[in-house]
């Protein structure tokens, strides 16, 4: 009995094992079989790696040193006229020489230190009191630096202007011929203001204007005749000045550069 049971169990085991070995995998439909992907090598994009361009640092362009600009010689000036090789080399020297030779003669005050701005400068010339001490303002000296033929530098006076003698006409540099009208305002001792025209050779004409007094400017207008000059471009100077009641020295001064032309 027992042997029969073992035989049945053995037979059952063999049947189960046979079924497992003979079982086939379930068949997959053809339309569900994934198609194998193929790659066309011609369609693969070619990646071009750029060849690096060598960079070169440009050599700096040398900066050209500019040529020095010649300092122009003023077309018109009032001082000095001759011997340019002896002209002063600083504005303070020019102001002092101008004061000694033109403005106040033997009683010239020492000009205050010049104020320079590049090629121009100004210096104030004070008045002189009875005891010789400086006070107030007689005139303001306007200067310009120039370059001479030998390349050296010098200073010249291009005008002198006083608040006590204001010339409205003619303007500096205007053409004069045979005579001119002088108009403006000013004051002086007993109201007297002397006007004169000079060229390189000396005095050409003289006239007296009547302005205000005691420091109060009043208008004036005078006719100033002078010798007719040819249209040669000669320099001329229109000068207006007042004098001191104490010793007759110049107390106010205005000088403007002019040019002489033919009156015809």
Protein backbone atom coordinates (compact mmCIF):
# COMPACT_ATOMS: atom_id res chain seq x y z
CA UNK A 1 0.00 0.00 0.00
CA UNK A 2 2.71 2.33 0.97
CA UNK A 3 4.74 1.40 -2.06
CA UNK A 4 1.79 2.17 -4.28
CA UNK A 5 1.40 5.66 -2.84
CA UNK A 6 5.06 6.48 -3.43
CA UNK A 7 4.70 5.36 -6.99
CA UNK A 8 1.75 7.71 -7.57
CA UNK A 9 3.63 10.65 -6.05
CA UNK A 10 6.64 9.98 -8.25
CA UNK A 11 4.44 9.82 -11.32
CA UNK A 12 2.79 13.12 -10.40
CA UNK A 13 6.18 14.84 -10.01
CA UNK A 14 7.30 13.65 -13.42
CA UNK A 15 4.10 14.94 -15.08
CA UNK A 16 4.52 18.41 -13.54
CA UNK A 17 8.17 18.61 -14.58
CA UNK A 18 7.32 17.66 -18.12
CA UNK A 19 4.69 20.33 -18.41
CA UNK A 20 7.19 23.02 -17.31
CA UNK A 21 9.79 22.01 -19.88
CA UNK A 22 7.40 21.68 -22.79
CA UNK A 23 5.60 25.07 -22.17
CA UNK A 24 6.20 27.54 -25.00
CA UNK A 25 6.47 31.27 -24.53
CA UNK A 26 3.37 33.14 -25.64
CA UNK A 27 3.65 34.33 -29.27
CA UNK A 28 3.84 38.10 -29.74
CA UNK A 29 1.92 39.53 -32.73
CA UNK A 30 4.16 40.68 -35.62
CA UNK A 31 2.80 44.24 -35.62
CA UNK A 32 3.79 44.61 -32.00
CA UNK A 33 7.36 43.63 -32.60
CA UNK A 34 9.40 46.83 -32.27
CA UNK A 35 11.23 47.57 -35.46
CA UNK A 36 14.93 47.81 -35.01
CA UNK A 37 16.06 51.39 -35.48
CA UNK A 38 18.71 52.01 -38.06
CA UNK A 39 20.94 55.12 -38.24
CA UNK A 40 22.05 56.67 -41.54
CA UNK A 41 25.62 57.80 -40.98
CA UNK A 42 25.28 60.45 -43.73
CA UNK A 43 22.58 62.21 -41.75
CA UNK A 44 24.67 62.65 -38.64
CA UNK A 45 25.60 66.37 -38.51
CA UNK A 46 29.27 67.06 -38.55
CA UNK A 47 30.40 69.29 -35.72
CA UNK A 48 33.09 71.66 -36.92
CA UNK A 49 35.35 72.84 -34.17
CA UNK A 50 36.63 76.32 -35.17
CA UNK A 51 40.35 76.72 -35.25
CA UNK A 52 41.25 79.44 -32.77
CA UNK A 53 42.63 82.55 -34.44
CA UNK A 54 45.77 83.74 -32.75
CA UNK A 55 45.22 87.19 -31.28
CA UNK A 56 47.93 89.77 -31.60
CA UNK A 57 48.08 92.93 -29.53
CA UNK A 58 48.59 95.88 -31.88
CA UNK A 59 51.63 97.94 -31.18
CA UNK A 60 50.67 101.33 -29.75
CA UNK A 61 50.87 104.12 -32.29
CA UNK A 62 53.45 106.62 -31.11
CA UNK A 63 51.88 109.95 -30.21
CA UNK A 64 53.26 112.69 -32.37
CA UNK A 65 54.62 115.62 -30.42
CA UNK A 66 52.79 118.71 -31.72
CA UNK A 67 54.85 121.51 -33.09
CA UNK A 68 54.84 124.59 -30.84
CA UNK A 69 52.29 127.14 -31.99
CA UNK A 70 53.94 130.43 -32.84
CA UNK A 71 52.79 133.26 -30.62
CA UNK A 72 51.24 135.87 -32.91
CA UNK A 73 52.59 139.36 -32.94
CA UNK A 74 49.80 141.81 -32.14
CA UNK A 75 48.68 143.86 -35.08
CA UNK A 76 48.22 146.87 -32.83
CA UNK A 77 49.89 147.84 -29.59
CA UNK A 78 50.58 151.02 -27.62
CA UNK A 79 54.03 150.27 -26.15
CA UNK A 80 56.88 149.78 -26.89
CA UNK A 81 57.52 150.70 -30.51
CA UNK A 82 61.16 150.10 -31.31
CA UNK A 83 64.06 147.78 -30.50
CA UNK A 84 62.11 144.57 -29.88
CA UNK A 85 65.31 142.82 -28.77
CA UNK A 86 65.17 145.02 -25.67
CA UNK A 87 61.50 144.41 -24.92
CA UNK A 88 60.72 143.13 -21.40
CA UNK A 89 60.57 139.38 -20.86
CA UNK A 90 57.99 139.33 -18.02
CA UNK A 91 54.63 141.09 -17.53
CA UNK A 92 55.79 142.69 -14.27
CA UNK A 93 58.82 144.15 -16.02
CA UNK A 94 56.66 145.38 -18.89
CA UNK A 95 54.21 147.06 -16.51
CA UNK A 96 57.02 148.77 -14.59
CA UNK A 97 58.76 150.05 -17.73
CA UNK A 98 55.46 151.28 -19.10
CA UNK A 99 54.75 153.17 -15.87
CA UNK A 100 58.19 154.81 -15.91
CA UNK A 101 58.21 155.75 -19.58
CA UNK A 102 54.57 156.55 -20.29
CA UNK A 103 52.14 156.62 -17.40
CA UNK A 104 53.58 158.82 -14.69
CA UNK A 105 57.07 159.93 -15.52
CA UNK A 106 59.28 160.69 -12.54
CA UNK A 107 56.51 160.03 -10.04
CA UNK A 108 55.50 156.62 -11.33
CA UNK A 109 53.95 154.30 -8.83
CA UNK A 110 55.08 150.69 -8.70
CA UNK A 111 52.44 148.58 -10.47
CA UNK A 112 50.77 145.92 -8.41
CA UNK A 113 51.82 142.32 -9.28
CA UNK A 114 50.60 141.28 -12.71
CA UNK A 115 47.85 138.70 -13.08
CA UNK A 116 48.75 136.39 -15.97
CA UNK A 117 46.45 134.09 -17.96
CA UNK A 118 48.43 132.15 -20.56
CA UNK A 119 49.61 134.73 -23.11
CA UNK A 120 47.84 137.77 -21.62
CA UNK A 121 48.25 139.66 -18.36
CA UNK A 122 46.95 142.72 -16.53
CA UNK A 123 48.52 144.93 -13.90
CA UNK A 124 46.98 147.75 -11.87
CA UNK A 125 48.84 151.03 -11.65
CA UNK A 126 47.86 153.02 -8.52
CA UNK A 127 47.78 156.77 -8.13
CA UNK A 128 50.45 158.67 -6.21
CA UNK A 129 49.55 160.79 -3.17
CA UNK A 130 51.32 164.05 -2.24
CA UNK A 131 53.67 162.16 0.07
CA UNK A 132 54.53 159.70 -2.71
CA UNK A 133 52.50 156.80 -1.34
CA UNK A 134 50.35 154.78 -3.79
CA UNK A 135 46.57 154.80 -3.56
CA UNK A 136 43.53 154.05 -5.69
CA UNK A 137 43.80 153.09 -9.34
CA UNK A 138 45.18 155.27 -12.13
CA UNK A 139 44.88 152.70 -14.91
CA UNK A 140 44.81 149.00 -15.70
CA UNK A 141 47.62 147.90 -18.01
CA UNK A 142 46.71 145.15 -20.50
CA UNK A 143 49.62 143.12 -21.87
CA UNK A 144 50.24 140.32 -24.34
CA UNK A 145 53.12 137.91 -24.84
CA UNK A 146 54.71 137.85 -28.29
CA UNK A 147 57.38 135.83 -30.05
CA UNK A 148 60.20 137.73 -31.71
CA UNK A 149 62.01 136.79 -34.91
CA UNK A 150 64.77 135.00 -32.99
CA UNK A 151 62.22 132.83 -31.14
CA UNK A 152 62.53 134.63 -27.82
CA UNK A 153 59.44 135.75 -25.91
CA UNK A 154 58.60 139.29 -24.82
CA UNK A 155 55.70 141.26 -23.38
CA UNK A 156 54.06 144.35 -24.88
CA UNK A 157 51.29 146.67 -23.71
CA UNK A 158 48.24 146.46 -25.97
CA UNK A 159 46.13 149.02 -24.08
CA UNK A 160 45.72 150.94 -20.83
CA UNK A 161 42.26 151.79 -19.54
CA UNK A 162 41.09 153.95 -16.65
CA UNK A 163 37.62 154.09 -15.12
CA UNK A 164 38.05 157.88 -15.06
CA UNK A 165 38.42 158.07 -18.86
CA UNK A 166 36.05 155.78 -20.71
CA UNK A 167 36.25 156.07 -24.51
CA UNK A 168 33.12 154.85 -26.27
CA UNK A 169 34.16 155.99 -29.75
CA UNK A 170 36.36 155.25 -31.61
CA UNK A 171 36.82 151.61 -30.61
CA UNK A 172 40.30 150.19 -30.28
CA UNK A 173 41.78 149.30 -33.64
CA UNK A 174 39.37 151.35 -35.72
CA UNK A 175 40.66 153.10 -38.80
CA UNK A 176 41.35 156.78 -38.40
CA UNK A 177 41.87 159.27 -41.21
CA UNK A 178 42.71 162.93 -40.87
CA UNK A 179 40.76 163.38 -37.66
CA UNK A 180 38.24 161.68 -35.45
CA UNK A 181 35.35 162.26 -33.11
CA UNK A 182 36.10 161.19 -29.54
CA UNK A 183 33.10 160.38 -27.38
CA UNK A 184 32.78 158.91 -23.91
CA UNK A 185 32.63 159.92 -20.25
CA UNK A 186 35.16 160.77 -17.58
CA UNK A 187 36.40 163.20 -14.96
CA UNK A 188 39.57 165.08 -14.10
CA UNK A 189 40.98 168.09 -12.30
CA UNK A 190 38.53 170.92 -13.10
CA UNK A 191 36.89 168.50 -15.53
CA UNK A 192 39.77 168.63 -18.01
CA UNK A 193 40.75 165.53 -20.00
CA UNK A 194 43.55 165.82 -22.58
CA UNK A 195 43.31 163.70 -25.74
CA UNK A 196 46.06 163.26 -28.30
CA UNK A 197 46.93 161.05 -31.27
CA UNK A 198 50.51 159.87 -31.77
CA UNK A 199 52.21 157.71 -34.34
CA UNK A 200 55.78 156.36 -34.52
CA UNK A 201 57.09 159.81 -35.36
CA UNK A 202 55.41 161.72 -32.56
CA UNK A 203 52.39 163.87 -31.85
CA UNK A 204 49.80 164.25 -34.61
CA UNK A 205 46.90 166.01 -32.91
CA UNK A 206 45.73 167.37 -29.56
CA UNK A 207 42.33 168.36 -28.08
CA UNK A 208 40.81 169.09 -24.66
CA UNK A 209 37.59 167.45 -23.48
CA UNK A 210 35.43 168.65 -20.60
CA UNK A 211 34.11 165.88 -18.35
CA UNK A 212 33.15 165.68 -14.71
CA UNK A 213 35.16 166.51 -11.60
CA UNK A 214 35.66 165.28 -8.04
CA UNK A 215 35.44 161.64 -9.13
CA UNK A 216 32.12 161.99 -10.94
CA UNK A 217 32.11 160.97 -14.60
CA UNK A 218 30.21 163.13 -17.07
CA UNK A 219 29.81 162.61 -20.84
CA UNK A 220 32.05 164.42 -23.32
CA UNK A 221 32.36 164.65 -27.10
CA UNK A 222 35.12 166.43 -29.00
CA UNK A 223 36.59 166.64 -32.48
CA UNK A 224 40.25 165.63 -32.62
CA UNK A 225 41.95 166.62 -35.91
CA UNK A 226 45.39 165.36 -36.84
CA UNK A 227 47.71 165.24 -39.84
CA UNK A 228 46.44 163.02 -42.59
CA UNK A 229 48.54 159.92 -43.02
CA UNK A 230 48.86 157.53 -45.98
CA UNK A 231 47.05 154.21 -45.98
CA UNK A 232 50.22 152.38 -44.97
CA UNK A 233 48.88 150.59 -41.91
CA UNK A 234 51.01 152.66 -39.54
CA UNK A 235 50.29 152.27 -35.89
CA UNK A 236 48.79 155.12 -33.94
CA UNK A 237 47.76 155.63 -30.34
CA UNK A 238 44.77 157.50 -28.98
CA UNK A 239 45.67 158.72 -25.50
CA UNK A 240 43.43 160.38 -22.89
CA UNK A 241 44.87 161.52 -19.57
CA UNK A 242 44.23 163.76 -16.59
CA UNK A 243 46.86 165.45 -14.45
CA UNK A 244 47.33 165.94 -10.73
CA UNK A 245 46.49 169.31 -9.21
CA UNK A 246 49.55 168.97 -6.96
CA UNK A 247 52.43 168.60 -9.41
CA UNK A 248 50.89 168.07 -12.85
CA UNK A 249 51.81 164.38 -13.01
CA UNK A 250 49.45 162.01 -14.84
CA UNK A 251 46.74 160.74 -12.51
CA UNK A 252 44.51 158.82 -14.94
CA UNK A 253 45.42 157.28 -18.28
CA UNK A 254 43.63 155.56 -21.15
CA UNK A 255 45.56 154.44 -24.24
CA UNK A 256 44.02 152.62 -27.19
CA UNK A 257 45.79 151.30 -30.31
CA UNK A 258 44.61 152.73 -33.64
CA UNK A 259 45.57 152.51 -37.29
CA UNK A 260 46.13 155.42 -39.64
CA UNK A 261 44.64 155.37 -43.14
CA UNK A 262 44.18 157.75 -46.02
CA UNK A 263 41.32 160.17 -45.48
CA UNK A 264 40.15 160.19 -49.09
